[in-house]
PDB file of N, CA and C in Angstrom:
ATOM      1  N   MET A   1       0.792  -1.140  -0.059  1.00  0.00           N
ATOM      2  CA  MET A   1      -0.096  -0.141  -0.010  1.00  0.00           C
ATOM      3  C   MET A   1       0.935   1.245  -0.011  1.00  0.00           C
ATOM      4  N   SER A   2       0.421   2.252  -0.626  1.00  0.00           N
ATOM      5  CA  SER A   2       1.087   3.568  -0.686  1.00  0.00           C
ATOM      6  C   SER A   2       1.052   4.171   0.748  1.00  0.00           C
ATOM      7  N   GLY A   3       1.857   5.125   1.032  1.00  0.00           N
ATOM      8  CA  GLY A   3       1.973   5.844   2.215  1.00  0.00           C
ATOM      9  C   GLY A   3       0.801   6.929   2.403  1.00  0.00           C
ATOM     10  N   SER A   4       0.313   7.271   1.251  1.00  0.00           N
ATOM     11  CA  SER A   4      -0.683   8.409   1.343  1.00  0.00           C
ATOM     12  C   SER A   4      -2.054   7.773   1.813  1.00  0.00           C
ATOM     13  N   GLU A   5      -2.817   8.657   2.422  1.00  0.00           N
ATOM     14  CA  GLU A   5      -4.083   8.273   2.985  1.00  0.00           C
ATOM     15  C   GLU A   5      -5.156   8.339   1.889  1.00  0.00           C
ATOM     16  N   THR A   6      -5.991   7.354   1.892  1.00  0.00           N
ATOM     17  CA  THR A   6      -7.145   7.282   0.943  1.00  0.00           C
ATOM     18  C   THR A   6      -8.264   8.066   1.459  1.00  0.00           C
ATOM     19  N   ILE A   7      -9.251   8.261   0.688  1.00  0.00           N
ATOM     20  CA  ILE A   7     -10.422   9.027   1.018  1.00  0.00           C
ATOM     21  C   ILE A   7     -11.147   8.296   2.157  1.00  0.00           C
ATOM     22  N   PHE A   8     -11.211   7.019   2.068  1.00  0.00           N
ATOM     23  CA  PHE A   8     -11.859   6.243   3.079  1.00  0.00           C
ATOM     24  C   PHE A   8     -11.199   6.397   4.440  1.00  0.00           C
ATOM     25  N   GLU A   9      -9.783   6.440   4.401  1.00  0.00           N
ATOM     26  CA  GLU A   9      -9.157   6.736   5.767  1.00  0.00           C
ATOM     27  C   GLU A   9      -9.416   8.052   6.144  1.00  0.00           C
ATOM     28  N   ARG A  10      -9.440   9.093   5.261  1.00  0.00           N
ATOM     29  CA  ARG A  10      -9.881  10.486   5.837  1.00  0.00           C
ATOM     30  C   ARG A  10     -11.341  10.507   6.394  1.00  0.00           C
ATOM     31  N   ILE A  11     -12.227   9.767   5.810  1.00  0.00           N
ATOM     32  CA  ILE A  11     -13.670   9.643   6.348  1.00  0.00           C
ATOM     33  C   ILE A  11     -13.498   9.048   7.720  1.00  0.00           C
ATOM     34  N   LEU A  12     -12.787   7.933   7.835  1.00  0.00           N
ATOM     35  CA  LEU A  12     -12.728   7.030   8.984  1.00  0.00           C
ATOM     36  C   LEU A  12     -12.097   7.910  10.221  1.00  0.00           C
ATOM     37  N   HIS A  13     -11.135   8.721   9.856  1.00  0.00           N
ATOM     38  CA  HIS A  13     -10.487   9.570  10.947  1.00  0.00           C
ATOM     39  C   HIS A  13     -11.093  10.985  11.031  1.00  0.00           C
ATOM     40  N   GLY A  14     -12.206  11.197  10.339  1.00  0.00           N
ATOM     41  CA  GLY A  14     -12.937  12.598  10.618  1.00  0.00           C
ATOM     42  C   GLY A  14     -12.394  13.732   9.789  1.00  0.00           C
ATOM     43  N   GLY A  15     -11.440  13.376   8.898  1.00  0.00           N
ATOM     44  CA  GLY A  15     -10.972  14.449   8.150  1.00  0.00           C
ATOM     45  C   GLY A  15     -11.669  14.724   6.663  1.00  0.00           C
ATOM     46  N   ALA A  16     -12.754  13.983   6.487  1.00  0.00           N
ATOM     47  CA  ALA A  16     -13.633  14.228   5.167  1.00  0.00           C
ATOM     48  C   ALA A  16     -14.972  13.903   5.697  1.00  0.00           C
ATOM     49  N   PRO A  17     -15.967  14.602   5.136  1.00  0.00           N
ATOM     50  CA  PRO A  17     -17.271  14.311   5.646  1.00  0.00           C
ATOM     51  C   PRO A  17     -17.917  13.264   4.894  1.00  0.00           C
ATOM     52  N   ALA A  18     -18.876  12.543   5.682  1.00  0.00           N
ATOM     53  CA  ALA A  18     -19.675  11.343   5.012  1.00  0.00           C
ATOM     54  C   ALA A  18     -20.934  11.320   5.720  1.00  0.00           C
ATOM     55  N   ASP A  19     -21.960  10.745   5.064  1.00  0.00           N
ATOM     56  CA  ASP A  19     -23.297  10.450   5.534  1.00  0.00           C
ATOM     57  C   ASP A  19     -23.247   9.076   6.129  1.00  0.00           C
ATOM     58  N   VAL A  20     -22.846   9.056   7.452  1.00  0.00           N
ATOM     59  CA  VAL A  20     -22.781   7.745   8.023  1.00  0.00           C
ATOM     60  C   VAL A  20     -24.134   7.144   8.446  1.00  0.00           C
ATOM     61  N   VAL A  21     -24.197   5.983   8.182  1.00  0.00           N
ATOM     62  CA  VAL A  21     -25.576   5.323   8.277  1.00  0.00           C
ATOM     63  C   VAL A  21     -25.493   4.052   9.418  1.00  0.00           C
ATOM     64  N   TYR A  22     -24.196   3.700   9.634  1.00  0.00           N
ATOM     65  CA  TYR A  22     -23.996   2.640  10.555  1.00  0.00           C
ATOM     66  C   TYR A  22     -22.543   2.615  11.023  1.00  0.00           C
ATOM     67  N   GLU A  23     -22.368   2.213  12.243  1.00  0.00           N
ATOM     68  CA  GLU A  23     -20.945   2.195  12.835  1.00  0.00           C
ATOM     69  C   GLU A  23     -20.959   1.049  13.907  1.00  0.00           C
ATOM     70  N   ASP A  24     -19.988   0.342  14.010  1.00  0.00           N
ATOM     71  CA  ASP A  24     -19.697  -0.534  15.170  1.00  0.00           C
ATOM     72  C   ASP A  24     -18.219  -0.720  15.441  1.00  0.00           C
ATOM     73  N   GLU A  25     -17.741  -1.564  16.249  1.00  0.00           N
ATOM     74  CA  GLU A  25     -16.361  -1.661  16.545  1.00  0.00           C
ATOM     75  C   GLU A  25     -15.429  -2.064  15.385  1.00  0.00           C
ATOM     76  N   HIS A  26     -16.073  -2.671  14.402  1.00  0.00           N
ATOM     77  CA  HIS A  26     -15.423  -3.170  13.248  1.00  0.00           C
ATOM     78  C   HIS A  26     -15.415  -2.367  11.910  1.00  0.00           C
ATOM     79  N   VAL A  27     -16.594  -1.722  11.673  1.00  0.00           N
ATOM     80  CA  VAL A  27     -16.791  -1.094  10.533  1.00  0.00           C
ATOM     81  C   VAL A  27     -17.470   0.346  10.486  1.00  0.00           C
ATOM     82  N   LEU A  28     -17.333   1.082   9.459  1.00  0.00           N
ATOM     83  CA  LEU A  28     -18.030   2.292   9.262  1.00  0.00           C
ATOM     84  C   LEU A  28     -18.704   2.236   7.899  1.00  0.00           C
ATOM     85  N   ALA A  29     -20.084   2.600   7.894  1.00  0.00           N
ATOM     86  CA  ALA A  29     -20.858   2.482   6.743  1.00  0.00           C
ATOM     87  C   ALA A  29     -21.444   3.831   6.460  1.00  0.00           C
ATOM     88  N   PHE A  30     -21.404   4.365   5.152  1.00  0.00           N
ATOM     89  CA  PHE A  30     -21.765   5.614   4.672  1.00  0.00           C
ATOM     90  C   PHE A  30     -22.312   5.565   3.314  1.00  0.00           C
ATOM     91  N   ARG A  31     -23.250   6.459   2.976  1.00  0.00           N
ATOM     92  CA  ARG A  31     -23.737   6.533   1.654  1.00  0.00           C
ATOM     93  C   ARG A  31     -22.711   6.908   0.568  1.00  0.00           C
ATOM     94  N   ASP A  32     -22.841   6.233  -0.469  1.00  0.00           N
ATOM     95  CA  ASP A  32     -21.934   6.503  -1.698  1.00  0.00           C
ATOM     96  C   ASP A  32     -22.384   7.837  -2.283  1.00  0.00           C
ATOM     97  N   LEU A  33     -21.427   8.655  -2.784  1.00  0.00           N
ATOM     98  CA  LEU A  33     -21.571   9.944  -3.347  1.00  0.00           C
ATOM     99  C   LEU A  33     -22.244   9.791  -4.697  1.00  0.00           C
ATOM    100  N   ARG A  34     -22.025   8.710  -5.464  1.00  0.00           N
ATOM    101  CA  ARG A  34     -22.495   8.436  -6.923  1.00  0.00           C
ATOM    102  C   ARG A  34     -23.366   7.118  -6.826  1.00  0.00           C
ATOM    103  N   PRO A  35     -24.613   7.211  -6.149  1.00  0.00           N
ATOM    104  CA  PRO A  35     -25.297   5.987  -6.028  1.00  0.00           C
ATOM    105  C   PRO A  35     -25.698   5.411  -7.311  1.00  0.00           C
ATOM    106  N   GLN A  36     -25.646   3.984  -7.274  1.00  0.00           N
ATOM    107  CA  GLN A  36     -26.094   3.189  -8.390  1.00  0.00           C
ATOM    108  C   GLN A  36     -27.358   2.394  -8.237  1.00  0.00           C
ATOM    109  N   ALA A  37     -27.997   2.794  -7.085  1.00  0.00           N
ATOM    110  CA  ALA A  37     -29.324   2.205  -6.755  1.00  0.00           C
ATOM    111  C   ALA A  37     -29.887   3.194  -5.732  1.00  0.00           C
ATOM    112  N   PRO A  38     -31.135   3.041  -5.392  1.00  0.00           N
ATOM    113  CA  PRO A  38     -31.859   3.890  -4.417  1.00  0.00           C
ATOM    114  C   PRO A  38     -31.037   3.864  -3.103  1.00  0.00           C
ATOM    115  N   VAL A  39     -30.552   2.691  -2.760  1.00  0.00           N
ATOM    116  CA  VAL A  39     -29.796   2.529  -1.680  1.00  0.00           C
ATOM    117  C   VAL A  39     -28.433   2.199  -2.076  1.00  0.00           C
ATOM    118  N   HIS A  40     -27.397   2.812  -1.807  1.00  0.00           N
ATOM    119  CA  HIS A  40     -26.099   2.539  -2.136  1.00  0.00           C
ATOM    120  C   HIS A  40     -25.056   2.893  -0.977  1.00  0.00           C
ATOM    121  N   VAL A  41     -24.665   2.093  -0.236  1.00  0.00           N
ATOM    122  CA  VAL A  41     -23.825   2.346   0.907  1.00  0.00           C
ATOM    123  C   VAL A  41     -22.490   1.690   0.903  1.00  0.00           C
ATOM    124  N   LEU A  42     -21.523   2.127   1.289  1.00  0.00           N
ATOM    125  CA  LEU A  42     -20.129   1.661   1.357  1.00  0.00           C
ATOM    126  C   LEU A  42     -19.812   1.218   2.876  1.00  0.00           C
ATOM    127  N   VAL A  43     -19.308   0.193   2.941  1.00  0.00           N
ATOM    128  CA  VAL A  43     -18.906  -0.356   4.340  1.00  0.00           C
ATOM    129  C   VAL A  43     -17.296  -0.602   4.241  1.00  0.00           C
ATOM    130  N   ILE A  44     -16.708   0.087   5.168  1.00  0.00           N
ATOM    131  CA  ILE A  44     -15.252  -0.107   5.327  1.00  0.00           C
ATOM    132  C   ILE A  44     -14.815  -0.567   6.647  1.00  0.00           C
ATOM    133  N   PRO A  45     -13.766  -1.432   6.774  1.00  0.00           N
ATOM    134  CA  PRO A  45     -13.288  -1.896   8.016  1.00  0.00           C
ATOM    135  C   PRO A  45     -12.521  -0.848   8.702  1.00  0.00           C
ATOM    136  N   LYS A  46     -12.508  -0.863  10.005  1.00  0.00           N
ATOM    137  CA  LYS A  46     -11.722   0.146  10.746  1.00  0.00           C
ATOM    138  C   LYS A  46     -10.242  -0.255  10.683  1.00  0.00           C
ATOM    139  N   LYS A  47      -9.982  -1.430  10.519  1.00  0.00           N
ATOM    140  CA  LYS A  47      -8.510  -1.867  10.321  1.00  0.00           C
ATOM    141  C   LYS A  47      -8.241  -1.811   8.731  1.00  0.00           C
ATOM    142  N   ARG A  48      -7.205  -1.316   8.573  1.00  0.00           N
ATOM    143  CA  ARG A  48      -6.764  -1.038   7.174  1.00  0.00           C
ATOM    144  C   ARG A  48      -6.406  -2.326   6.414  1.00  0.00           C
ATOM    145  N   ALA A  49      -6.887  -2.472   5.201  1.00  0.00           N
ATOM    146  CA  ALA A  49      -6.685  -3.469   4.354  1.00  0.00           C
ATOM    147  C   ALA A  49      -6.861  -2.972   2.979  1.00  0.00           C
ATOM    148  N   ARG A  50      -6.006  -3.259   1.959  1.00  0.00           N
ATOM    149  CA  ARG A  50      -5.974  -2.832   0.568  1.00  0.00           C
ATOM    150  C   ARG A  50      -7.199  -3.258  -0.061  1.00  0.00           C
ATOM    151  N   ASN A  51      -7.476  -4.633  -0.068  1.00  0.00           N
ATOM    152  CA  ASN A  51      -8.530  -5.250  -0.853  1.00  0.00           C
ATOM    153  C   ASN A  51      -8.977  -6.652  -0.124  1.00  0.00           C
ATOM    154  N   LEU A  52      -9.774  -7.324  -0.668  1.00  0.00           N
ATOM    155  CA  LEU A  52     -10.429  -8.598  -0.091  1.00  0.00           C
ATOM    156  C   LEU A  52      -9.181  -9.569   0.075  1.00  0.00           C
ATOM    157  N   SER A  53      -8.212  -9.580  -0.763  1.00  0.00           N
ATOM    158  CA  SER A  53      -7.141 -10.472  -0.656  1.00  0.00           C
ATOM    159  C   SER A  53      -6.336 -10.309   0.626  1.00  0.00           C
ATOM    160  N   ASP A  54      -6.419  -9.092   1.195  1.00  0.00           N
ATOM    161  CA  ASP A  54      -5.567  -8.852   2.438  1.00  0.00           C
ATOM    162  C   ASP A  54      -6.226  -9.481   3.554  1.00  0.00           C
ATOM    163  N   LEU A  55      -7.462  -9.948   3.484  1.00  0.00           N
ATOM    164  CA  LEU A  55      -8.213 -10.625   4.706  1.00  0.00           C
ATOM    165  C   LEU A  55      -7.579 -11.960   4.935  1.00  0.00           C
ATOM    166  N   ARG A  56      -6.710 -12.450   3.942  1.00  0.00           N
ATOM    167  CA  ARG A  56      -6.072 -13.730   4.320  1.00  0.00           C
ATOM    168  C   ARG A  56      -5.189 -13.539   5.510  1.00  0.00           C
ATOM    169  N   GLU A  57      -4.657 -12.331   5.768  1.00  0.00           N
ATOM    170  CA  GLU A  57      -3.703 -12.145   6.759  1.00  0.00           C
ATOM    171  C   GLU A  57      -4.466 -11.782   8.114  1.00  0.00           C
ATOM    172  N   TRP A  58      -5.790 -11.709   8.043  1.00  0.00           N
ATOM    173  CA  TRP A  58      -6.498 -11.342   9.287  1.00  0.00           C
ATOM    174  C   TRP A  58      -6.849 -12.432  10.033  1.00  0.00           C
ATOM    175  N   ASP A  59      -7.078 -12.314  11.345  1.00  0.00           N
ATOM    176  CA  ASP A  59      -7.588 -13.468  12.109  1.00  0.00           C
ATOM    177  C   ASP A  59      -9.109 -13.548  11.927  1.00  0.00           C
ATOM    178  N   ALA A  60      -9.680 -14.547  12.356  1.00  0.00           N
ATOM    179  CA  ALA A  60     -11.136 -14.770  12.168  1.00  0.00           C
ATOM    180  C   ALA A  60     -11.998 -13.814  12.704  1.00  0.00           C
ATOM    181  N   THR A  61     -11.528 -13.314  13.984  1.00  0.00           N
ATOM    182  CA  THR A  61     -12.448 -12.333  14.628  1.00  0.00           C
ATOM    183  C   THR A  61     -12.473 -10.897  13.750  1.00  0.00           C
ATOM    184  N   GLY A  62     -11.325 -10.500  13.133  1.00  0.00           N
ATOM    185  CA  GLY A  62     -11.257  -9.306  12.327  1.00  0.00           C
ATOM    186  C   GLY A  62     -12.108  -9.436  11.055  1.00  0.00           C
ATOM    187  N   ALA A  63     -11.819 -10.565  10.390  1.00  0.00           N
ATOM    188  CA  ALA A  63     -12.558 -10.834   9.116  1.00  0.00           C
ATOM    189  C   ALA A  63     -13.987 -11.088   9.359  1.00  0.00           C
ATOM    190  N   GLY A  64     -14.336 -11.830  10.334  1.00  0.00           N
ATOM    191  CA  GLY A  64     -15.804 -12.001  10.660  1.00  0.00           C
ATOM    192  C   GLY A  64     -16.408 -10.837  11.039  1.00  0.00           C
ATOM    193  N   GLY A  65     -15.735  -9.938  11.672  1.00  0.00           N
ATOM    194  CA  GLY A  65     -16.321  -8.613  12.200  1.00  0.00           C
ATOM    195  C   GLY A  65     -16.727  -7.749  11.007  1.00  0.00           C
ATOM    196  N   PHE A  66     -15.841  -7.865  10.031  1.00  0.00           N
ATOM    197  CA  PHE A  66     -16.025  -6.902   8.756  1.00  0.00           C
ATOM    198  C   PHE A  66     -17.431  -7.516   8.143  1.00  0.00           C
ATOM    199  N   ILE A  67     -17.437  -8.828   7.863  1.00  0.00           N
ATOM    200  CA  ILE A  67     -18.521  -9.433   7.205  1.00  0.00           C
ATOM    201  C   ILE A  67     -19.933  -9.198   8.030  1.00  0.00           C
ATOM    202  N   ARG A  68     -19.810  -9.434   9.284  1.00  0.00           N
ATOM    203  CA  ARG A  68     -20.961  -9.161  10.189  1.00  0.00           C
ATOM    204  C   ARG A  68     -21.408  -7.732  10.168  1.00  0.00           C
ATOM    205  N   GLY A  69     -20.359  -6.859  10.098  1.00  0.00           N
ATOM    206  CA  GLY A  69     -20.677  -5.363  10.005  1.00  0.00           C
ATOM    207  C   GLY A  69     -21.411  -5.079   8.732  1.00  0.00           C
ATOM    208  N   VAL A  70     -21.014  -5.687   7.640  1.00  0.00           N
ATOM    209  CA  VAL A  70     -21.726  -5.474   6.295  1.00  0.00           C
ATOM    210  C   VAL A  70     -23.160  -5.934   6.422  1.00  0.00           C
ATOM    211  N   ALA A  71     -23.378  -7.141   7.108  1.00  0.00           N
ATOM    212  CA  ALA A  71     -24.721  -7.613   7.344  1.00  0.00           C
ATOM    213  C   ALA A  71     -25.599  -6.708   8.263  1.00  0.00           C
ATOM    214  N   ALA A  72     -24.961  -6.278   9.243  1.00  0.00           N
ATOM    215  CA  ALA A  72     -25.561  -5.423  10.235  1.00  0.00           C
ATOM    216  C   ALA A  72     -25.925  -4.021   9.508  1.00  0.00           C
ATOM    217  N   ALA A  73     -25.164  -3.517   8.782  1.00  0.00           N
ATOM    218  CA  ALA A  73     -25.396  -2.366   8.028  1.00  0.00           C
ATOM    219  C   ALA A  73     -26.570  -2.470   7.061  1.00  0.00           C
ATOM    220  N   ALA A  74     -26.710  -3.530   6.420  1.00  0.00           N
ATOM    221  CA  ALA A  74     -27.882  -3.700   5.549  1.00  0.00           C
ATOM    222  C   ALA A  74     -29.200  -3.898   6.450  1.00  0.00           C
ATOM    223  N   ALA A  75     -29.054  -4.501   7.434  1.00  0.00           N
ATOM    224  CA  ALA A  75     -30.239  -4.729   8.312  1.00  0.00           C
ATOM    225  C   ALA A  75     -30.711  -3.405   8.923  1.00  0.00           C
ATOM    226  N   SER A  76     -29.632  -2.497   9.215  1.00  0.00           N
ATOM    227  CA  SER A  76     -30.128  -1.248   9.706  1.00  0.00           C
ATOM    228  C   SER A  76     -30.815  -0.240   8.689  1.00  0.00           C
ATOM    229  N   LEU A  77     -30.636  -0.550   7.440  1.00  0.00           N
ATOM    230  CA  LEU A  77     -31.160   0.126   6.310  1.00  0.00           C
ATOM    231  C   LEU A  77     -32.402  -0.462   5.870  1.00  0.00           C
ATOM    232  N   GLY A  78     -32.907  -1.596   6.459  1.00  0.00           N
ATOM    233  CA  GLY A  78     -34.310  -2.118   6.182  1.00  0.00           C
ATOM    234  C   GLY A  78     -34.256  -2.970   4.961  1.00  0.00           C
ATOM    235  N   LEU A  79     -33.065  -3.496   4.620  1.00  0.00           N
ATOM    236  CA  LEU A  79     -33.035  -4.196   3.307  1.00  0.00           C
ATOM    237  C   LEU A  79     -33.252  -5.738   3.352  1.00  0.00           C
ATOM    238  N   GLU A  80     -33.221  -6.287   4.526  1.00  0.00           N
ATOM    239  CA  GLU A  80     -33.333  -7.808   4.620  1.00  0.00           C
ATOM    240  C   GLU A  80     -34.548  -8.412   4.042  1.00  0.00           C
ATOM    241  N   GLU A  81     -35.735  -7.899   4.145  1.00  0.00           N
ATOM    242  CA  GLU A  81     -36.945  -8.429   3.701  1.00  0.00           C
ATOM    243  C   GLU A  81     -37.028  -8.530   2.077  1.00  0.00           C
ATOM    244  N   ALA A  82     -36.642  -7.376   1.527  1.00  0.00           N
ATOM    245  CA  ALA A  82     -36.737  -7.245  -0.026  1.00  0.00           C
ATOM    246  C   ALA A  82     -35.505  -7.967  -0.644  1.00  0.00           C
ATOM    247  N   GLY A  83     -34.335  -7.757   0.074  1.00  0.00           N
ATOM    248  CA  GLY A  83     -33.089  -8.228  -0.363  1.00  0.00           C
ATOM    249  C   GLY A  83     -32.225  -7.134  -0.805  1.00  0.00           C
ATOM    250  N   TYR A  84     -30.867  -7.487  -1.139  1.00  0.00           N
ATOM    251  CA  TYR A  84     -29.919  -6.606  -1.559  1.00  0.00           C
ATOM    252  C   TYR A  84     -28.779  -7.261  -2.077  1.00  0.00           C
ATOM    253  N   ARG A  85     -27.819  -6.552  -2.698  1.00  0.00           N
ATOM    254  CA  ARG A  85     -26.604  -7.099  -3.155  1.00  0.00           C
ATOM    255  C   ARG A  85     -25.414  -6.516  -2.506  1.00  0.00           C
ATOM    256  N   VAL A  86     -24.369  -7.271  -2.261  1.00  0.00           N
ATOM    257  CA  VAL A  86     -23.119  -6.867  -1.723  1.00  0.00           C
ATOM    258  C   VAL A  86     -22.127  -7.191  -2.762  1.00  0.00           C
ATOM    259  N   VAL A  87     -21.317  -6.038  -3.104  1.00  0.00           N
ATOM    260  CA  VAL A  87     -20.266  -6.166  -4.172  1.00  0.00           C
ATOM    261  C   VAL A  87     -18.854  -5.758  -3.445  1.00  0.00           C
ATOM    262  N   MET A  88     -17.857  -6.599  -3.844  1.00  0.00           N
ATOM    263  CA  MET A  88     -16.523  -6.130  -3.394  1.00  0.00           C
ATOM    264  C   MET A  88     -15.653  -6.193  -4.615  1.00  0.00           C
ATOM    265  N   ASN A  89     -15.202  -5.009  -5.099  1.00  0.00           N
ATOM    266  CA  ASN A  89     -14.400  -4.964  -6.202  1.00  0.00           C
ATOM    267  C   ASN A  89     -12.923  -5.179  -5.714  1.00  0.00           C
ATOM    268  N   CYS A  90     -12.040  -5.952  -6.495  1.00  0.00           N
ATOM    269  CA  CYS A  90     -10.776  -6.186  -5.980  1.00  0.00           C
ATOM    270  C   CYS A  90      -9.779  -5.964  -7.221  1.00  0.00           C
ATOM    271  N   GLY A  91      -8.909  -5.020  -7.110  1.00  0.00           N
ATOM    272  CA  GLY A  91      -7.856  -4.781  -7.917  1.00  0.00           C
ATOM    273  C   GLY A  91      -8.441  -4.046  -9.380  1.00  0.00           C
ATOM    274  N   ARG A  92      -7.441  -3.924 -10.202  1.00  0.00           N
ATOM    275  CA  ARG A  92      -7.602  -2.990 -11.544  1.00  0.00           C
ATOM    276  C   ARG A  92      -8.782  -3.743 -12.312  1.00  0.00           C
ATOM    277  N   HIS A  93      -8.638  -5.020 -12.573  1.00  0.00           N
ATOM    278  CA  HIS A  93      -9.636  -5.649 -13.414  1.00  0.00           C
ATOM    279  C   HIS A  93     -10.994  -5.820 -12.774  1.00  0.00           C
ATOM    280  N   GLY A  94     -11.052  -5.808 -11.459  1.00  0.00           N
ATOM    281  CA  GLY A  94     -12.195  -5.783 -10.677  1.00  0.00           C
ATOM    282  C   GLY A  94     -12.941  -4.413 -10.571  1.00  0.00           C
ATOM    283  N   GLN A  95     -12.188  -3.356 -11.131  1.00  0.00           N
ATOM    284  CA  GLN A  95     -12.725  -1.939 -11.068  1.00  0.00           C
ATOM    285  C   GLN A  95     -12.669  -1.471  -9.686  1.00  0.00           C
ATOM    286  N   GLN A  96     -11.617  -1.838  -8.748  1.00  0.00           N
ATOM    287  CA  GLN A  96     -11.669  -1.206  -7.572  1.00  0.00           C
ATOM    288  C   GLN A  96     -10.993   0.219  -7.790  1.00  0.00           C
ATOM    289  N   SER A  97     -11.773   1.211  -7.251  1.00  0.00           N
ATOM    290  CA  SER A  97     -11.397   2.604  -7.546  1.00  0.00           C
ATOM    291  C   SER A  97     -10.782   3.260  -6.290  1.00  0.00           C
ATOM    292  N   VAL A  98     -10.778   2.663  -5.033  1.00  0.00           N
ATOM    293  CA  VAL A  98     -10.073   3.241  -3.948  1.00  0.00           C
ATOM    294  C   VAL A  98      -9.302   2.040  -3.298  1.00  0.00           C
ATOM    295  N   ASP A  99      -8.010   2.280  -3.060  1.00  0.00           N
ATOM    296  CA  ASP A  99      -7.111   1.205  -2.633  1.00  0.00           C
ATOM    297  C   ASP A  99      -7.353   1.035  -1.151  1.00  0.00           C
ATOM    298  N   TYR A 100      -8.514   0.638  -0.820  1.00  0.00           N
ATOM    299  CA  TYR A 100      -8.954   0.342   0.675  1.00  0.00           C
ATOM    300  C   TYR A 100     -10.146  -0.519   0.526  1.00  0.00           C
ATOM    301  N   LEU A 101     -10.112  -1.707   1.278  1.00  0.00           N
ATOM    302  CA  LEU A 101     -11.132  -2.604   1.236  1.00  0.00           C
ATOM    303  C   LEU A 101     -12.433  -1.912   1.555  1.00  0.00           C
ATOM    304  N   HIS A 102     -13.519  -2.287   0.652  1.00  0.00           N
ATOM    305  CA  HIS A 102     -14.809  -1.749   1.029  1.00  0.00           C
ATOM    306  C   HIS A 102     -15.881  -2.742   0.199  1.00  0.00           C
ATOM    307  N   ALA A 103     -16.989  -2.744   0.867  1.00  0.00           N
ATOM    308  CA  ALA A 103     -18.095  -3.528   0.245  1.00  0.00           C
ATOM    309  C   ALA A 103     -19.244  -2.431  -0.045  1.00  0.00           C
ATOM    310  N   HIS A 104     -19.872  -2.659  -1.212  1.00  0.00           N
ATOM    311  CA  HIS A 104     -20.976  -1.884  -1.688  1.00  0.00           C
ATOM    312  C   HIS A 104     -22.273  -2.679  -1.289  1.00  0.00           C
ATOM    313  N   ILE A 105     -23.189  -2.047  -0.666  1.00  0.00           N
ATOM    314  CA  ILE A 105     -24.444  -2.559  -0.452  1.00  0.00           C
ATOM    315  C   ILE A 105     -25.441  -1.818  -1.336  1.00  0.00           C
ATOM    316  N   LEU A 106     -26.097  -2.414  -2.218  1.00  0.00           N
ATOM    317  CA  LEU A 106     -27.085  -1.910  -3.259  1.00  0.00           C
ATOM    318  C   LEU A 106     -28.435  -2.580  -2.953  1.00  0.00           C
ATOM    319  N   GLY A 107     -29.451  -1.776  -2.905  1.00  0.00           N
ATOM    320  CA  GLY A 107     -30.813  -2.305  -2.706  1.00  0.00           C
ATOM    321  C   GLY A 107     -31.885  -1.217  -2.891  1.00  0.00           C
ATOM    322  N   GLY A 108     -32.995  -1.345  -2.601  1.00  0.00           N
ATOM    323  CA  GLY A 108     -34.110  -0.469  -2.821  1.00  0.00           C
ATOM    324  C   GLY A 108     -34.812  -0.530  -4.094  1.00  0.00           C
ATOM    325  N   ARG A 109     -34.379  -1.419  -5.097  1.00  0.00           N
ATOM    326  CA  ARG A 109     -35.100  -1.805  -6.187  1.00  0.00           C
ATOM    327  C   ARG A 109     -34.727  -3.077  -6.657  1.00  0.00           C
ATOM    328  N   GLN A 110     -35.411  -3.701  -7.690  1.00  0.00           N
ATOM    329  CA  GLN A 110     -34.998  -4.997  -8.336  1.00  0.00           C
ATOM    330  C   GLN A 110     -33.806  -4.779  -9.062  1.00  0.00           C
ATOM    331  N   LEU A 111     -32.793  -5.482  -8.599  1.00  0.00           N
ATOM    332  CA  LEU A 111     -31.536  -5.498  -9.369  1.00  0.00           C
ATOM    333  C   LEU A 111     -31.407  -6.466 -10.367  1.00  0.00           C
ATOM    334  N   HIS A 112     -30.579  -6.243 -11.366  1.00  0.00           N
ATOM    335  CA  HIS A 112     -30.567  -7.128 -12.585  1.00  0.00           C
ATOM    336  C   HIS A 112     -29.253  -7.987 -12.668  1.00  0.00           C
ATOM    337  N   TRP A 113     -29.307  -9.042 -13.517  1.00  0.00           N
ATOM    338  CA  TRP A 113     -28.180  -9.978 -13.602  1.00  0.00           C
ATOM    339  C   TRP A 113     -28.033 -10.309 -15.058  1.00  0.00           C
ATOM    340  N   PRO A 114     -26.784 -10.398 -15.645  1.00  0.00           N
ATOM    341  CA  PRO A 114     -25.489 -10.211 -14.869  1.00  0.00           C
ATOM    342  C   PRO A 114     -25.196  -8.699 -14.629  1.00  0.00           C
ATOM    343  N   PRO A 115     -24.390  -8.488 -13.695  1.00  0.00           N
ATOM    344  CA  PRO A 115     -24.048  -7.039 -13.383  1.00  0.00           C
ATOM    345  C   PRO A 115     -23.142  -6.391 -14.317  1.00  0.00           C
ATOM    346  N   GLY A 116     -22.250  -7.136 -14.974  1.00  0.00           N
ATOM    347  CA  GLY A 116     -21.464  -6.410 -15.913  1.00  0.00           C
ATOM    348  C   GLY A 116     -20.125  -7.004 -16.287  1.00  0.00           C
TER     349      GLY A 116
END
């Protein structure tokens, strides 16, 4: 990882604004600035990781805390009954735009398949 702070780290440390919708000891969830669905929230772990591949180095508590946080954020948004999609882009070919692990929660309408 580079030494420079990403926008997600600035949000996490209070140096950039965000519309926070959920937070616990493992994650911070906030609305995406360019939503692709009526509900589009990003969930980031409070422990820095570049992407999903970095979770191989985490213990089960940390990795599980991130995944549980994603599910808890979706529940707090009222998406469980109708359903939602979770997307994690990894690397250049995966279209990862910020070099910090994050999950997209998309919902609020019928989503289509395949995604792209």
